[in-house]
PDB file of N, CA and C in Angstrom:
ATOM      1  N   UNK A   1       0.808  -1.180   0.000  1.00  0.00           N
ATOM      2  CA  UNK A   1       0.000   0.000   0.000  1.00  0.00           C
ATOM      3  C   UNK A   1       0.864   1.263   0.000  1.00  0.00           C
ATOM      4  N   UNK A   2       1.814   1.366   0.878  1.00  0.00           N
ATOM      5  CA  UNK A   2       2.682   2.536   0.922  1.00  0.00           C
ATOM      6  C   UNK A   2       4.034   2.144   0.360  1.00  0.00           C
ATOM      7  N   UNK A   3       4.558   2.985  -0.504  1.00  0.00           N
ATOM      8  CA  UNK A   3       5.882   2.736  -1.060  1.00  0.00           C
ATOM      9  C   UNK A   3       6.923   3.379  -0.156  1.00  0.00           C
ATOM     10  N   UNK A   4       7.920   2.653   0.225  1.00  0.00           N
ATOM     11  CA  UNK A   4       8.966   3.264   1.033  1.00  0.00           C
ATOM     12  C   UNK A   4       9.458   2.344   2.113  1.00  0.00           C
ATOM     13  N   UNK A   5      10.028   2.907   3.152  1.00  0.00           N
ATOM     14  CA  UNK A   5      10.650   2.185   4.235  1.00  0.00           C
ATOM     15  C   UNK A   5       9.613   1.421   5.062  1.00  0.00           C
ATOM     16  N   UNK A   6       9.662   0.077   5.070  1.00  0.00           N
ATOM     17  CA  UNK A   6       8.684  -0.698   5.829  1.00  0.00           C
ATOM     18  C   UNK A   6       8.863  -0.580   7.336  1.00  0.00           C
ATOM     19  N   UNK A   7       9.976  -0.008   7.778  1.00  0.00           N
ATOM     20  CA  UNK A   7      10.224   0.148   9.214  1.00  0.00           C
ATOM     21  C   UNK A   7       9.491   1.354   9.810  1.00  0.00           C
ATOM     22  N   UNK A   8       8.961   2.222   8.953  1.00  0.00           N
ATOM     23  CA  UNK A   8       8.294   3.431   9.416  1.00  0.00           C
ATOM     24  C   UNK A   8       6.789   3.257   9.291  1.00  0.00           C
ATOM     25  N   UNK A   9       6.049   3.721  10.295  1.00  0.00           N
ATOM     26  CA  UNK A   9       4.594   3.597  10.285  1.00  0.00           C
ATOM     27  C   UNK A   9       4.010   4.424   9.139  1.00  0.00           C
ATOM     28  N   UNK A  10       3.239   3.809   8.251  1.00  0.00           N
ATOM     29  CA  UNK A  10       2.665   4.543   7.124  1.00  0.00           C
ATOM     30  C   UNK A  10       1.817   5.739   7.551  1.00  0.00           C
ATOM     31  N   UNK A  11       0.998   5.597   8.578  1.00  0.00           N
ATOM     32  CA  UNK A  11       0.142   6.714   9.004  1.00  0.00           C
ATOM     33  C   UNK A  11       0.967   7.911   9.452  1.00  0.00           C
ATOM     34  N   UNK A  12       2.106   7.666  10.072  1.00  0.00           N
ATOM     35  CA  UNK A  12       2.965   8.769  10.510  1.00  0.00           C
ATOM     36  C   UNK A  12       3.658   9.435   9.324  1.00  0.00           C
ATOM     37  N   UNK A  13       4.055   8.663   8.335  1.00  0.00           N
ATOM     38  CA  UNK A  13       4.633   9.234   7.119  1.00  0.00           C
ATOM     39  C   UNK A  13       3.605  10.113   6.407  1.00  0.00           C
ATOM     40  N   UNK A  14       2.375   9.620   6.347  1.00  0.00           N
ATOM     41  CA  UNK A  14       1.296  10.376   5.718  1.00  0.00           C
ATOM     42  C   UNK A  14       1.051  11.671   6.482  1.00  0.00           C
ATOM     43  N   UNK A  15       0.961  11.585   7.807  1.00  0.00           N
ATOM     44  CA  UNK A  15       0.725  12.776   8.630  1.00  0.00           C
ATOM     45  C   UNK A  15       1.826  13.808   8.406  1.00  0.00           C
ATOM     46  N   UNK A  16       3.060  13.382   8.373  1.00  0.00           N
ATOM     47  CA  UNK A  16       4.177  14.310   8.154  1.00  0.00           C
ATOM     48  C   UNK A  16       4.103  14.968   6.780  1.00  0.00           C
ATOM     49  N   UNK A  17       3.723  14.191   5.768  1.00  0.00           N
ATOM     50  CA  UNK A  17       3.595  14.747   4.415  1.00  0.00           C
ATOM     51  C   UNK A  17       2.467  15.779   4.356  1.00  0.00           C
ATOM     52  N   UNK A  18       1.360  15.504   5.025  1.00  0.00           N
ATOM     53  CA  UNK A  18       0.228  16.432   5.042  1.00  0.00           C
ATOM     54  C   UNK A  18       0.618  17.727   5.754  1.00  0.00           C
ATOM     55  N   UNK A  19       1.277  17.607   6.896  1.00  0.00           N
ATOM     56  CA  UNK A  19       1.651  18.785   7.672  1.00  0.00           C
ATOM     57  C   UNK A  19       2.672  19.668   6.950  1.00  0.00           C
ATOM     58  N   UNK A  20       3.377  19.109   5.972  1.00  0.00           N
ATOM     59  CA  UNK A  20       4.357  19.874   5.204  1.00  0.00           C
ATOM     60  C   UNK A  20       3.721  20.666   4.063  1.00  0.00           C
ATOM     61  N   UNK A  21       2.446  20.444   3.799  1.00  0.00           N
ATOM     62  CA  UNK A  21       1.768  21.139   2.700  1.00  0.00           C
ATOM     63  C   UNK A  21       1.445  22.578   3.123  1.00  0.00           C
ATOM     64  N   UNK A  22       1.833  23.557   2.305  1.00  0.00           N
ATOM     65  CA  UNK A  22       1.524  24.954   2.629  1.00  0.00           C
ATOM     66  C   UNK A  22       0.014  25.157   2.786  1.00  0.00           C
ATOM     67  N   UNK A  23      -0.357  25.882   3.826  1.00  0.00           N
ATOM     68  CA  UNK A  23      -1.772  26.160   4.083  1.00  0.00           C
ATOM     69  C   UNK A  23      -2.408  25.232   5.097  1.00  0.00           C
ATOM     70  N   UNK A  24      -1.778  24.088   5.357  1.00  0.00           N
ATOM     71  CA  UNK A  24      -2.321  23.154   6.345  1.00  0.00           C
ATOM     72  C   UNK A  24      -1.907  23.619   7.736  1.00  0.00           C
ATOM     73  N   UNK A  25      -2.916  23.869   8.578  1.00  0.00           N
ATOM     74  CA  UNK A  25      -2.648  24.287   9.959  1.00  0.00           C
ATOM     75  C   UNK A  25      -2.458  23.084  10.868  1.00  0.00           C
ATOM     76  N   UNK A  26      -3.068  21.959  10.507  1.00  0.00           N
ATOM     77  CA  UNK A  26      -2.932  20.756  11.320  1.00  0.00           C
ATOM     78  C   UNK A  26      -3.880  19.673  10.867  1.00  0.00           C
ATOM     79  N   UNK A  27      -3.706  18.511  11.442  1.00  0.00           N
ATOM     80  CA  UNK A  27      -4.624  17.399  11.208  1.00  0.00           C
ATOM     81  C   UNK A  27      -5.792  17.540  12.176  1.00  0.00           C
ATOM     82  N   UNK A  28      -6.947  17.024  11.801  1.00  0.00           N
ATOM     83  CA  UNK A  28      -8.163  17.178  12.601  1.00  0.00           C
ATOM     84  C   UNK A  28      -8.788  15.801  12.795  1.00  0.00           C
ATOM     85  N   UNK A  29      -9.111  15.478  14.020  1.00  0.00           N
ATOM     86  CA  UNK A  29      -9.669  14.163  14.335  1.00  0.00           C
ATOM     87  C   UNK A  29     -11.160  14.016  14.129  1.00  0.00           C
ATOM     88  N   UNK A  30     -11.818  15.032  13.599  1.00  0.00           N
ATOM     89  CA  UNK A  30     -13.262  14.964  13.438  1.00  0.00           C
ATOM     90  C   UNK A  30     -13.956  15.419  14.719  1.00  0.00           C
ATOM     91  N   UNK A  31     -15.279  15.447  14.699  1.00  0.00           N
ATOM     92  CA  UNK A  31     -16.041  15.979  15.820  1.00  0.00           C
ATOM     93  C   UNK A  31     -15.757  15.264  17.135  1.00  0.00           C
ATOM     94  N   UNK A  32     -15.588  13.962  17.082  1.00  0.00           N
ATOM     95  CA  UNK A  32     -15.368  13.181  18.300  1.00  0.00           C
ATOM     96  C   UNK A  32     -14.017  12.479  18.312  1.00  0.00           C
ATOM     97  N   UNK A  33     -13.101  12.907  17.467  1.00  0.00           N
ATOM     98  CA  UNK A  33     -11.791  12.272  17.393  1.00  0.00           C
ATOM     99  C   UNK A  33     -11.827  10.912  16.718  1.00  0.00           C
ATOM    100  N   UNK A  34     -12.882  10.688  15.926  1.00  0.00           N
ATOM    101  CA  UNK A  34     -13.072   9.370  15.314  1.00  0.00           C
ATOM    102  C   UNK A  34     -12.223   9.136  14.063  1.00  0.00           C
ATOM    103  N   UNK A  35     -11.646  10.188  13.505  1.00  0.00           N
ATOM    104  CA  UNK A  35     -10.810  10.036  12.316  1.00  0.00           C
ATOM    105  C   UNK A  35      -9.382   9.836  12.796  1.00  0.00           C
ATOM    106  N   UNK A  36      -8.940   8.586  12.765  1.00  0.00           N
ATOM    107  CA  UNK A  36      -7.606   8.279  13.291  1.00  0.00           C
ATOM    108  C   UNK A  36      -7.157   6.908  12.807  1.00  0.00           C
ATOM    109  N   UNK A  37      -5.859   6.728  12.834  1.00  0.00           N
ATOM    110  CA  UNK A  37      -5.267   5.399  12.647  1.00  0.00           C
ATOM    111  C   UNK A  37      -4.683   5.006  13.992  1.00  0.00           C
ATOM    112  N   UNK A  38      -5.076   3.848  14.473  1.00  0.00           N
ATOM    113  CA  UNK A  38      -4.654   3.389  15.796  1.00  0.00           C
ATOM    114  C   UNK A  38      -3.417   2.520  15.669  1.00  0.00           C
ATOM    115  N   UNK A  39      -2.417   2.880  16.452  1.00  0.00           N
ATOM    116  CA  UNK A  39      -1.148   2.163  16.495  1.00  0.00           C
ATOM    117  C   UNK A  39      -0.920   1.707  17.935  1.00  0.00           C
ATOM    118  N   UNK A  40      -0.005   0.805  18.165  1.00  0.00           N
ATOM    119  CA  UNK A  40       0.239   0.363  19.538  1.00  0.00           C
ATOM    120  C   UNK A  40       0.590   1.536  20.458  1.00  0.00           C
ATOM    121  N   UNK A  41      -0.264   1.792  21.434  1.00  0.00           N
ATOM    122  CA  UNK A  41      -0.006   2.827  22.426  1.00  0.00           C
ATOM    123  C   UNK A  41      -0.259   4.252  21.989  1.00  0.00           C
ATOM    124  N   UNK A  42      -0.735   4.462  20.768  1.00  0.00           N
ATOM    125  CA  UNK A  42      -0.978   5.818  20.279  1.00  0.00           C
ATOM    126  C   UNK A  42      -1.906   5.777  19.066  1.00  0.00           C
ATOM    127  N   UNK A  43      -2.309   6.970  18.644  1.00  0.00           N
ATOM    128  CA  UNK A  43      -3.098   7.074  17.422  1.00  0.00           C
ATOM    129  C   UNK A  43      -2.665   8.310  16.651  1.00  0.00           C
ATOM    130  N   UNK A  44      -2.872   8.267  15.363  1.00  0.00           N
ATOM    131  CA  UNK A  44      -2.546   9.390  14.491  1.00  0.00           C
ATOM    132  C   UNK A  44      -3.873  10.014  14.088  1.00  0.00           C
ATOM    133  N   UNK A  45      -4.209  11.141  14.737  1.00  0.00           N
ATOM    134  CA  UNK A  45      -5.459  11.834  14.445  1.00  0.00           C
ATOM    135  C   UNK A  45      -5.432  12.451  13.059  1.00  0.00           C
ATOM    136  N   UNK A  46      -6.580  12.417  12.388  1.00  0.00           N
ATOM    137  CA  UNK A  46      -6.717  13.051  11.092  1.00  0.00           C
ATOM    138  C   UNK A  46      -6.326  12.181   9.924  1.00  0.00           C
ATOM    139  N   UNK A  47      -5.835  10.980  10.187  1.00  0.00           N
ATOM    140  CA  UNK A  47      -5.441  10.044   9.136  1.00  0.00           C
ATOM    141  C   UNK A  47      -6.175   8.730   9.388  1.00  0.00           C
ATOM    142  N   UNK A  48      -7.086   8.370   8.482  1.00  0.00           N
ATOM    143  CA  UNK A  48      -7.777   7.084   8.575  1.00  0.00           C
ATOM    144  C   UNK A  48      -7.326   6.246   7.390  1.00  0.00           C
ATOM    145  N   UNK A  49      -6.380   5.383   7.654  1.00  0.00           N
ATOM    146  CA  UNK A  49      -5.748   4.585   6.604  1.00  0.00           C
ATOM    147  C   UNK A  49      -6.339   3.189   6.602  1.00  0.00           C
ATOM    148  N   UNK A  50      -6.955   2.829   5.481  1.00  0.00           N
ATOM    149  CA  UNK A  50      -7.544   1.500   5.346  1.00  0.00           C
ATOM    150  C   UNK A  50      -6.900   0.743   4.207  1.00  0.00           C
ATOM    151  N   UNK A  51      -7.366  -0.477   3.981  1.00  0.00           N
ATOM    152  CA  UNK A  51      -6.810  -1.300   2.910  1.00  0.00           C
ATOM    153  C   UNK A  51      -7.153  -0.779   1.517  1.00  0.00           C
ATOM    154  N   UNK A  52      -8.303  -0.077   1.411  1.00  0.00           N
ATOM    155  CA  UNK A  52      -8.725   0.375   0.088  1.00  0.00           C
ATOM    156  C   UNK A  52      -9.024   1.873   0.016  1.00  0.00           C
ATOM    157  N   UNK A  53      -8.641   2.612   1.052  1.00  0.00           N
ATOM    158  CA  UNK A  53      -8.853   4.062   1.018  1.00  0.00           C
ATOM    159  C   UNK A  53      -8.004   4.752   2.080  1.00  0.00           C
ATOM    160  N   UNK A  54      -7.888   6.061   1.920  1.00  0.00           N
ATOM    161  CA  UNK A  54      -7.200   6.889   2.893  1.00  0.00           C
ATOM    162  C   UNK A  54      -8.000   8.179   3.042  1.00  0.00           C
ATOM    163  N   UNK A  55      -8.455   8.457   4.261  1.00  0.00           N
ATOM    164  CA  UNK A  55      -9.183   9.692   4.542  1.00  0.00           C
ATOM    165  C   UNK A  55      -8.288  10.606   5.361  1.00  0.00           C
ATOM    166  N   UNK A  56      -8.190  11.840   4.914  1.00  0.00           N
ATOM    167  CA  UNK A  56      -7.386  12.846   5.592  1.00  0.00           C
ATOM    168  C   UNK A  56      -8.314  13.975   5.996  1.00  0.00           C
ATOM    169  N   UNK A  57      -8.263  14.373   7.266  1.00  0.00           N
ATOM    170  CA  UNK A  57      -9.059  15.499   7.760  1.00  0.00           C
ATOM    171  C   UNK A  57      -8.093  16.545   8.280  1.00  0.00           C
ATOM    172  N   UNK A  58      -8.269  17.778   7.776  1.00  0.00           N
ATOM    173  CA  UNK A  58      -7.320  18.838   8.089  1.00  0.00           C
ATOM    174  C   UNK A  58      -8.017  20.118   8.541  1.00  0.00           C
ATOM    175  N   UNK A  59      -7.223  20.979   9.156  1.00  0.00           N
ATOM    176  CA  UNK A  59      -7.576  22.374   9.379  1.00  0.00           C
ATOM    177  C   UNK A  59      -6.687  23.185   8.456  1.00  0.00           C
ATOM    178  N   UNK A  60      -7.276  24.216   7.839  1.00  0.00           N
ATOM    179  CA  UNK A  60      -6.547  25.074   6.917  1.00  0.00           C
ATOM    180  C   UNK A  60      -6.295  26.413   7.598  1.00  0.00           C
ATOM    181  N   UNK A  61      -5.119  26.970   7.357  1.00  0.00           N
ATOM    182  CA  UNK A  61      -4.754  28.257   7.943  1.00  0.00           C
ATOM    183  C   UNK A  61      -5.204  29.380   6.996  1.00  0.00           C
ATOM    184  N   UNK A  62      -6.074  30.245   7.500  1.00  0.00           N
ATOM    185  CA  UNK A  62      -6.512  31.409   6.737  1.00  0.00           C
ATOM    186  C   UNK A  62      -5.323  32.335   6.520  1.00  0.00           C
ATOM    187  N   UNK A  63      -5.109  32.879   5.341  1.00  0.00           N
ATOM    188  CA  UNK A  63      -6.003  33.035   4.207  1.00  0.00           C
ATOM    189  C   UNK A  63      -5.786  32.016   3.087  1.00  0.00           C
ATOM    190  N   UNK A  64      -5.224  30.877   3.365  1.00  0.00           N
ATOM    191  CA  UNK A  64      -5.014  29.862   2.323  1.00  0.00           C
ATOM    192  C   UNK A  64      -6.353  29.477   1.702  1.00  0.00           C
ATOM    193  N   UNK A  65      -6.339  29.195   0.432  1.00  0.00           N
ATOM    194  CA  UNK A  65      -7.542  28.792  -0.289  1.00  0.00           C
ATOM    195  C   UNK A  65      -7.869  27.342   0.081  1.00  0.00           C
ATOM    196  N   UNK A  66      -9.069  27.123   0.548  1.00  0.00           N
ATOM    197  CA  UNK A  66      -9.463  25.821   1.080  1.00  0.00           C
ATOM    198  C   UNK A  66      -9.356  24.717   0.029  1.00  0.00           C
ATOM    199  N   UNK A  67      -9.952  24.921  -1.129  1.00  0.00           N
ATOM    200  CA  UNK A  67      -9.962  23.871  -2.156  1.00  0.00           C
ATOM    201  C   UNK A  67      -8.562  23.610  -2.688  1.00  0.00           C
ATOM    202  N   UNK A  68      -7.792  24.663  -2.928  1.00  0.00           N
ATOM    203  CA  UNK A  68      -6.424  24.477  -3.421  1.00  0.00           C
ATOM    204  C   UNK A  68      -5.563  23.747  -2.396  1.00  0.00           C
ATOM    205  N   UNK A  69      -5.754  24.049  -1.122  1.00  0.00           N
ATOM    206  CA  UNK A  69      -4.983  23.367  -0.083  1.00  0.00           C
ATOM    207  C   UNK A  69      -5.335  21.887  -0.052  1.00  0.00           C
ATOM    208  N   UNK A  70      -6.619  21.560  -0.122  1.00  0.00           N
ATOM    209  CA  UNK A  70      -7.045  20.158  -0.145  1.00  0.00           C
ATOM    210  C   UNK A  70      -6.466  19.436  -1.362  1.00  0.00           C
ATOM    211  N   UNK A  71      -6.446  20.104  -2.509  1.00  0.00           N
ATOM    212  CA  UNK A  71      -5.880  19.493  -3.714  1.00  0.00           C
ATOM    213  C   UNK A  71      -4.376  19.267  -3.569  1.00  0.00           C
ATOM    214  N   UNK A  72      -3.676  20.212  -2.917  1.00  0.00           N
ATOM    215  CA  UNK A  72      -2.234  20.035  -2.689  1.00  0.00           C
ATOM    216  C   UNK A  72      -1.962  18.862  -1.751  1.00  0.00           C
ATOM    217  N   UNK A  73      -2.822  18.682  -0.749  1.00  0.00           N
ATOM    218  CA  UNK A  73      -2.676  17.532   0.158  1.00  0.00           C
ATOM    219  C   UNK A  73      -2.833  16.239  -0.637  1.00  0.00           C
ATOM    220  N   UNK A  74      -3.882  16.158  -1.434  1.00  0.00           N
ATOM    221  CA  UNK A  74      -4.111  14.956  -2.237  1.00  0.00           C
ATOM    222  C   UNK A  74      -2.927  14.699  -3.163  1.00  0.00           C
ATOM    223  N   UNK A  75      -2.441  15.744  -3.826  1.00  0.00           N
ATOM    224  CA  UNK A  75      -1.314  15.599  -4.755  1.00  0.00           C
ATOM    225  C   UNK A  75      -0.049  15.131  -4.034  1.00  0.00           C
ATOM    226  N   UNK A  76       0.155  15.577  -2.804  1.00  0.00           N
ATOM    227  CA  UNK A  76       1.337  15.158  -2.040  1.00  0.00           C
ATOM    228  C   UNK A  76       1.278  13.680  -1.674  1.00  0.00           C
ATOM    229  N   UNK A  77       0.061  13.137  -1.519  1.00  0.00           N
ATOM    230  CA  UNK A  77      -0.079  11.751  -1.074  1.00  0.00           C
ATOM    231  C   UNK A  77      -0.187  10.738  -2.210  1.00  0.00           C
ATOM    232  N   UNK A  78      -0.618  11.163  -3.371  1.00  0.00           N
ATOM    233  CA  UNK A  78      -0.803  10.232  -4.487  1.00  0.00           C
ATOM    234  C   UNK A  78       0.449   9.413  -4.780  1.00  0.00           C
ATOM    235  N   UNK A  79       1.657  10.013  -4.804  1.00  0.00           N
ATOM    236  CA  UNK A  79       2.849   9.195  -5.077  1.00  0.00           C
ATOM    237  C   UNK A  79       3.156   8.183  -3.968  1.00  0.00           C
ATOM    238  N   UNK A  80       2.620   8.404  -2.774  1.00  0.00           N
ATOM    239  CA  UNK A  80       2.914   7.534  -1.637  1.00  0.00           C
ATOM    240  C   UNK A  80       1.952   6.349  -1.519  1.00  0.00           C
ATOM    241  N   UNK A  81       0.755   6.486  -2.095  1.00  0.00           N
ATOM    242  CA  UNK A  81      -0.310   5.521  -1.840  1.00  0.00           C
ATOM    243  C   UNK A  81      -0.844   4.890  -3.115  1.00  0.00           C
ATOM    244  N   UNK A  82      -1.352   3.666  -2.970  1.00  0.00           N
ATOM    245  CA  UNK A  82      -1.987   2.960  -4.078  1.00  0.00           C
ATOM    246  C   UNK A  82      -3.502   2.927  -3.906  1.00  0.00           C
ATOM    247  N   UNK A  83      -4.044   3.780  -3.060  1.00  0.00           N
ATOM    248  CA  UNK A  83      -5.482   3.816  -2.806  1.00  0.00           C
ATOM    249  C   UNK A  83      -5.984   5.248  -2.997  1.00  0.00           C
ATOM    250  N   UNK A  84      -7.291   5.419  -3.216  1.00  0.00           N
ATOM    251  CA  UNK A  84      -7.841   6.775  -3.328  1.00  0.00           C
ATOM    252  C   UNK A  84      -7.659   7.557  -2.031  1.00  0.00           C
ATOM    253  N   UNK A  85      -7.447   8.868  -2.172  1.00  0.00           N
ATOM    254  CA  UNK A  85      -7.264   9.754  -1.026  1.00  0.00           C
ATOM    255  C   UNK A  85      -8.423  10.755  -0.997  1.00  0.00           C
ATOM    256  N   UNK A  86      -9.164  10.762   0.101  1.00  0.00           N
ATOM    257  CA  UNK A  86     -10.244  11.726   0.301  1.00  0.00           C
ATOM    258  C   UNK A  86      -9.782  12.733   1.342  1.00  0.00           C
ATOM    259  N   UNK A  87      -9.881  14.019   1.002  1.00  0.00           N
ATOM    260  CA  UNK A  87      -9.455  15.075   1.911  1.00  0.00           C
ATOM    261  C   UNK A  87     -10.686  15.867   2.346  1.00  0.00           C
ATOM    262  N   UNK A  88     -10.851  16.017   3.657  1.00  0.00           N
ATOM    263  CA  UNK A  88     -11.943  16.802   4.230  1.00  0.00           C
ATOM    264  C   UNK A  88     -11.342  17.952   5.019  1.00  0.00           C
ATOM    265  N   UNK A  89     -11.824  19.156   4.740  1.00  0.00           N
ATOM    266  CA  UNK A  89     -11.407  20.320   5.515  1.00  0.00           C
ATOM    267  C   UNK A  89     -12.429  20.488   6.635  1.00  0.00           C
ATOM    268  N   UNK A  90     -11.966  20.307   7.867  1.00  0.00           N
ATOM    269  CA  UNK A  90     -12.837  20.368   9.041  1.00  0.00           C
ATOM    270  C   UNK A  90     -12.940  21.774   9.621  1.00  0.00           C
ATOM    271  N   UNK A  91     -11.897  22.597   9.421  1.00  0.00           N
ATOM    272  CA  UNK A  91     -11.875  23.905  10.067  1.00  0.00           C
ATOM    273  C   UNK A  91     -10.948  24.840   9.301  1.00  0.00           C
ATOM    274  N   UNK A  92     -11.194  26.143   9.460  1.00  0.00           N
ATOM    275  CA  UNK A  92     -10.306  27.178   8.936  1.00  0.00           C
ATOM    276  C   UNK A  92      -9.876  28.014  10.135  1.00  0.00           C
ATOM    277  N   UNK A  93      -8.578  28.075  10.371  1.00  0.00           N
ATOM    278  CA  UNK A  93      -8.041  28.760  11.534  1.00  0.00           C
ATOM    279  C   UNK A  93      -7.425  30.094  11.155  1.00  0.00           C
ATOM    280  N   UNK A  94      -7.577  31.077  12.033  1.00  0.00           N
ATOM    281  CA  UNK A  94      -6.973  32.390  11.833  1.00  0.00           C
ATOM    282  C   UNK A  94      -5.999  32.671  12.970  1.00  0.00           C
ATOM    283  N   UNK A  95      -5.136  33.658  12.756  1.00  0.00           N
ATOM    284  CA  UNK A  95      -4.238  34.100  13.828  1.00  0.00           C
ATOM    285  C   UNK A  95      -5.088  34.848  14.853  1.00  0.00           C
ATOM    286  N   UNK A  96      -4.850  34.594  16.124  1.00  0.00           N
ATOM    287  CA  UNK A  96      -5.576  35.343  17.157  1.00  0.00           C
ATOM    288  C   UNK A  96      -4.837  36.644  17.402  1.00  0.00           C
ATOM    289  N   UNK A  97      -5.586  37.718  17.470  1.00  0.00           N
ATOM    290  CA  UNK A  97      -5.003  39.030  17.730  1.00  0.00           C
ATOM    291  C   UNK A  97      -5.323  39.433  19.165  1.00  0.00           C
ATOM    292  N   UNK A  98      -4.323  39.960  19.830  1.00  0.00           N
ATOM    293  CA  UNK A  98      -4.538  40.432  21.206  1.00  0.00           C
ATOM    294  C   UNK A  98      -5.411  41.682  21.188  1.00  0.00           C
ATOM    295  N   UNK A  99      -6.336  41.798  22.135  1.00  0.00           N
ATOM    296  CA  UNK A  99      -7.225  42.977  22.165  1.00  0.00           C
ATOM    297  C   UNK A  99      -6.483  44.250  22.512  1.00  0.00           C
TER     298      UNK A  99
END
């Protein structure tokens, strides 16, 4: 399913690739944290990796374009995976300004 080093957890490689995409503020676990890949003793939120699909849930940093950011995430993962990649934007985050 994933091309590369078999010693590295695929979900973690995917998470790192997603976080490197410009405009991505972070991975998002969904409303109840249900979007995740479970590993021994931990989970990778925002990455649901299955045998026949990969779902990625992200937060986008404003003013990045939401659709373009999602497309860049998908494009970054296509070379890594042999399954379809679905990207969901869960939130758009802005910088907080002090009053």
